[in-house]
Every structure is written in structure tokens, then in C-alpha cells.
Amino acid sequence: MHWRKDMAKNNKLINSLNEIARRNRSQNVATAADQMVPQIYAAIAIALHRTYGFGYKRINDVFVESQHIWESYAGDGAGMVKKCEEETGVTVCSPEEAQRLMEMQNGM
């Protein structure tokens, strides 16, 4: 009987540790996103400036529109990516998927 009580305590401990690990993973993902998003926007702003001569107002207008688009998809990332390809012809994908697509185009 004593063994079952210890197992129950261990299961609670394991479950608690799993929950802490899950929260830490979520926090790490959120922290990484918080760091990456400004870098992505900065790269896009620089590209718009260098390529098209956009200044603050035009770049900001693009960013505001991108926020409206983001909000309109309400977490449907796949839908937004699909719409991007349909409207612009630009395929947005992971680096691994991009590599695979390039290899297919090059006949590898």
C-alpha cells in the first residue's frame, strides 16, 4: 500500500515537472518571437528603403497594413501564407521546405 502512495506522489511530481517544462517551452517560443519579429520588420524596412527609396511614412503605412492583414487572419497562419502565394506569387515557407523546392526546380 505504501508503494502506491509513493507512486502517486511521483506521478504528481512528474506531472508538475512536465507542466513547468511546457510553460518554459511556451515562454522560450514567445521570447524568441519577441526577438525575431522586430528583426524581420527591420530587414523589410531596410529592403523597402534600399530597393524602392521608401521613407518613414510609406514604410509605416506598409507595416500598418500588414498588421491589419495579420489581425484579419486571427491565427490562421496557413491561410495567410496561401493567400500570399495566390495574391503575390510569393511562396513563404520554412528554410527546409525552400531547400527542397529549390532542389526540385534544379532537378536534383
C-alpha atoms as a PDB file:
ATOM      1  CA  MET A   1       0.000   0.000   0.000  1.00  0.00           C
ATOM      2  CA  HIS A   2       2.841   2.378   0.820  1.00  0.00           C
ATOM      3  CA  TRP A   3       4.288   1.845  -2.673  1.00  0.00           C
ATOM      4  CA  ARG A   4       1.094   3.163  -4.337  1.00  0.00           C
ATOM      5  CA  LYS A   5       1.183   6.361  -2.262  1.00  0.00           C
ATOM      6  CA  ASP A   6       4.786   6.950  -3.303  1.00  0.00           C
ATOM      7  CA  MET A   7       3.874   6.296  -6.960  1.00  0.00           C
ATOM      8  CA  ALA A   8       1.006   8.758  -6.726  1.00  0.00           C
ATOM      9  CA  LYS A   9       3.368  11.368  -5.258  1.00  0.00           C
ATOM     10  CA  ASN A  10       5.883  10.640  -8.017  1.00  0.00           C
ATOM     11  CA  ASN A  11       3.192  10.946 -10.681  1.00  0.00           C
ATOM     12  CA  LYS A  12       2.164  14.324  -9.245  1.00  0.00           C
ATOM     13  CA  LEU A  13       5.807  15.398  -9.247  1.00  0.00           C
ATOM     14  CA  ILE A  14       6.303  14.207 -12.828  1.00  0.00           C
ATOM     15  CA  ASN A  15       3.108  15.952 -13.925  1.00  0.00           C
ATOM     16  CA  SER A  16       4.212  19.145 -12.192  1.00  0.00           C
ATOM     17  CA  LEU A  17       7.634  18.975 -13.840  1.00  0.00           C
ATOM     18  CA  ASN A  18       6.022  18.339 -17.228  1.00  0.00           C
ATOM     19  CA  GLU A  19       3.776  21.369 -16.741  1.00  0.00           C
ATOM     20  CA  ILE A  20       6.759  23.543 -15.794  1.00  0.00           C
ATOM     21  CA  ALA A  21       8.662  22.290 -18.857  1.00  0.00           C
ATOM     22  CA  ARG A  22       5.649  23.019 -21.086  1.00  0.00           C
ATOM     23  CA  ARG A  23       5.364  26.556 -19.709  1.00  0.00           C
ATOM     24  CA  ASN A  24       9.103  27.107 -20.166  1.00  0.00           C
ATOM     25  CA  ARG A  25       8.891  25.941 -23.811  1.00  0.00           C
ATOM     26  CA  SER A  26       5.989  28.320 -24.385  1.00  0.00           C
ATOM     27  CA  GLN A  27       7.903  31.158 -22.762  1.00  0.00           C
ATOM     28  CA  ASN A  28      11.014  30.356 -24.819  1.00  0.00           C
ATOM     29  CA  VAL A  29       8.988  30.381 -28.046  1.00  0.00           C
ATOM     30  CA  ALA A  30       7.362  33.673 -27.056  1.00  0.00           C
ATOM     31  CA  THR A  31      10.755  35.184 -26.179  1.00  0.00           C
ATOM     32  CA  ALA A  32      12.251  34.037 -29.481  1.00  0.00           C
ATOM     33  CA  ALA A  33       9.287  35.501 -31.375  1.00  0.00           C
ATOM     34  CA  ASP A  34       9.587  38.770 -29.450  1.00  0.00           C
ATOM     35  CA  GLN A  35      13.219  38.976 -30.565  1.00  0.00           C
ATOM     36  CA  MET A  36      12.683  37.830 -34.157  1.00  0.00           C
ATOM     37  CA  VAL A  37       9.672  39.941 -35.112  1.00  0.00           C
ATOM     38  CA  PRO A  38      11.470  43.306 -34.739  1.00  0.00           C
ATOM     39  CA  GLN A  39      14.414  41.911 -36.707  1.00  0.00           C
ATOM     40  CA  ILE A  40      12.112  40.758 -39.523  1.00  0.00           C
ATOM     41  CA  TYR A  41      10.384  44.141 -39.651  1.00  0.00           C
ATOM     42  CA  ALA A  42      13.756  45.899 -39.609  1.00  0.00           C
ATOM     43  CA  ALA A  43      15.003  43.812 -42.536  1.00  0.00           C
ATOM     44  CA  ILE A  44      11.824  44.542 -44.504  1.00  0.00           C
ATOM     45  CA  ALA A  45      12.047  48.277 -43.727  1.00  0.00           C
ATOM     46  CA  ILE A  46      15.672  48.399 -44.904  1.00  0.00           C
ATOM     47  CA  ALA A  47      14.802  46.430 -48.060  1.00  0.00           C
ATOM     48  CA  LEU A  48      11.899  48.774 -48.872  1.00  0.00           C
ATOM     49  CA  HIS A  49      14.157  51.779 -48.343  1.00  0.00           C
ATOM     50  CA  ARG A  50      17.111  50.420 -50.344  1.00  0.00           C
ATOM     51  CA  THR A  51      15.075  48.882 -53.170  1.00  0.00           C
ATOM     52  CA  TYR A  52      12.288  51.422 -53.619  1.00  0.00           C
ATOM     53  CA  GLY A  53      13.503  54.501 -51.751  1.00  0.00           C
ATOM     54  CA  PHE A  54      10.602  54.300 -49.288  1.00  0.00           C
ATOM     55  CA  GLY A  55      10.812  56.693 -46.369  1.00  0.00           C
ATOM     56  CA  TYR A  56       9.284  56.542 -42.924  1.00  0.00           C
ATOM     57  CA  LYS A  57       5.664  57.256 -43.948  1.00  0.00           C
ATOM     58  CA  ARG A  58       5.455  54.680 -46.740  1.00  0.00           C
ATOM     59  CA  ILE A  59       7.222  52.017 -44.683  1.00  0.00           C
ATOM     60  CA  ASN A  60       4.962  52.720 -41.723  1.00  0.00           C
ATOM     61  CA  ASP A  61       1.888  52.516 -43.991  1.00  0.00           C
ATOM     62  CA  VAL A  62       3.075  49.079 -45.162  1.00  0.00           C
ATOM     63  CA  PHE A  63       3.578  47.958 -41.559  1.00  0.00           C
ATOM     64  CA  VAL A  64       0.110  49.214 -40.544  1.00  0.00           C
ATOM     65  CA  GLU A  65      -1.461  47.336 -43.480  1.00  0.00           C
ATOM     66  CA  SER A  66       0.488  44.205 -42.529  1.00  0.00           C
ATOM     67  CA  GLN A  67      -0.959  44.428 -39.013  1.00  0.00           C
ATOM     68  CA  HIS A  68      -4.493  44.688 -40.436  1.00  0.00           C
ATOM     69  CA  ILE A  69      -3.837  41.608 -42.573  1.00  0.00           C
ATOM     70  CA  TRP A  70      -2.354  39.753 -39.580  1.00  0.00           C
ATOM     71  CA  GLU A  71      -5.393  40.550 -37.453  1.00  0.00           C
ATOM     72  CA  SER A  72      -7.826  39.556 -40.211  1.00  0.00           C
ATOM     73  CA  TYR A  73      -6.397  36.031 -40.277  1.00  0.00           C
ATOM     74  CA  ALA A  74      -6.767  35.647 -36.483  1.00  0.00           C
ATOM     75  CA  GLY A  75      -4.165  32.891 -36.093  1.00  0.00           C
ATOM     76  CA  ASP A  76      -4.817  31.184 -39.442  1.00  0.00           C
ATOM     77  CA  GLY A  77      -1.176  31.268 -40.491  1.00  0.00           C
ATOM     78  CA  ALA A  78      -1.640  28.637 -43.178  1.00  0.00           C
ATOM     79  CA  GLY A  79      -4.494  30.628 -44.707  1.00  0.00           C
ATOM     80  CA  MET A  80      -2.416  33.789 -44.748  1.00  0.00           C
ATOM     81  CA  VAL A  81       0.524  32.003 -46.388  1.00  0.00           C
ATOM     82  CA  LYS A  82      -1.804  30.531 -49.013  1.00  0.00           C
ATOM     83  CA  LYS A  83      -3.360  33.943 -49.714  1.00  0.00           C
ATOM     84  CA  CYS A  84       0.115  35.465 -50.031  1.00  0.00           C
ATOM     85  CA  GLU A  85       1.003  32.959 -52.729  1.00  0.00           C
ATOM     86  CA  GLU A  86      -2.332  33.467 -54.517  1.00  0.00           C
ATOM     87  CA  GLU A  87      -2.157  37.280 -54.488  1.00  0.00           C
ATOM     88  CA  THR A  88       1.562  37.830 -54.997  1.00  0.00           C
ATOM     89  CA  GLY A  89       3.052  34.635 -56.377  1.00  0.00           C
ATOM     90  CA  VAL A  90       5.436  34.613 -53.398  1.00  0.00           C
ATOM     91  CA  THR A  91       5.728  31.280 -51.587  1.00  0.00           C
ATOM     92  CA  VAL A  92       6.572  31.690 -47.908  1.00  0.00           C
ATOM     93  CA  CYS A  93       7.903  28.521 -46.269  1.00  0.00           C
ATOM     94  CA  SER A  94      10.453  27.107 -43.852  1.00  0.00           C
ATOM     95  CA  PRO A  95      14.124  27.029 -44.854  1.00  0.00           C
ATOM     96  CA  GLU A  96      13.904  23.238 -45.168  1.00  0.00           C
ATOM     97  CA  GLU A  97      10.914  23.455 -47.492  1.00  0.00           C
ATOM     98  CA  ALA A  98      12.647  26.189 -49.526  1.00  0.00           C
ATOM     99  CA  GLN A  99      15.697  23.946 -49.938  1.00  0.00           C
ATOM    100  CA  ARG A 100      13.506  21.066 -51.070  1.00  0.00           C
ATOM    101  CA  LEU A 101      11.681  23.267 -53.581  1.00  0.00           C
ATOM    102  CA  MET A 102      14.980  24.604 -54.961  1.00  0.00           C
ATOM    103  CA  GLU A 103      16.343  21.090 -55.375  1.00  0.00           C
ATOM    104  CA  MET A 104      13.179  20.066 -57.216  1.00  0.00           C
ATOM    105  CA  GLN A 105      13.481  23.076 -59.560  1.00  0.00           C
ATOM    106  CA  ASN A 106      17.134  22.304 -60.234  1.00  0.00           C
ATOM    107  CA  GLY A 107      16.373  18.651 -60.968  1.00  0.00           C
ATOM    108  CA  MET A 108      18.369  17.313 -58.049  1.00  0.00           C
END
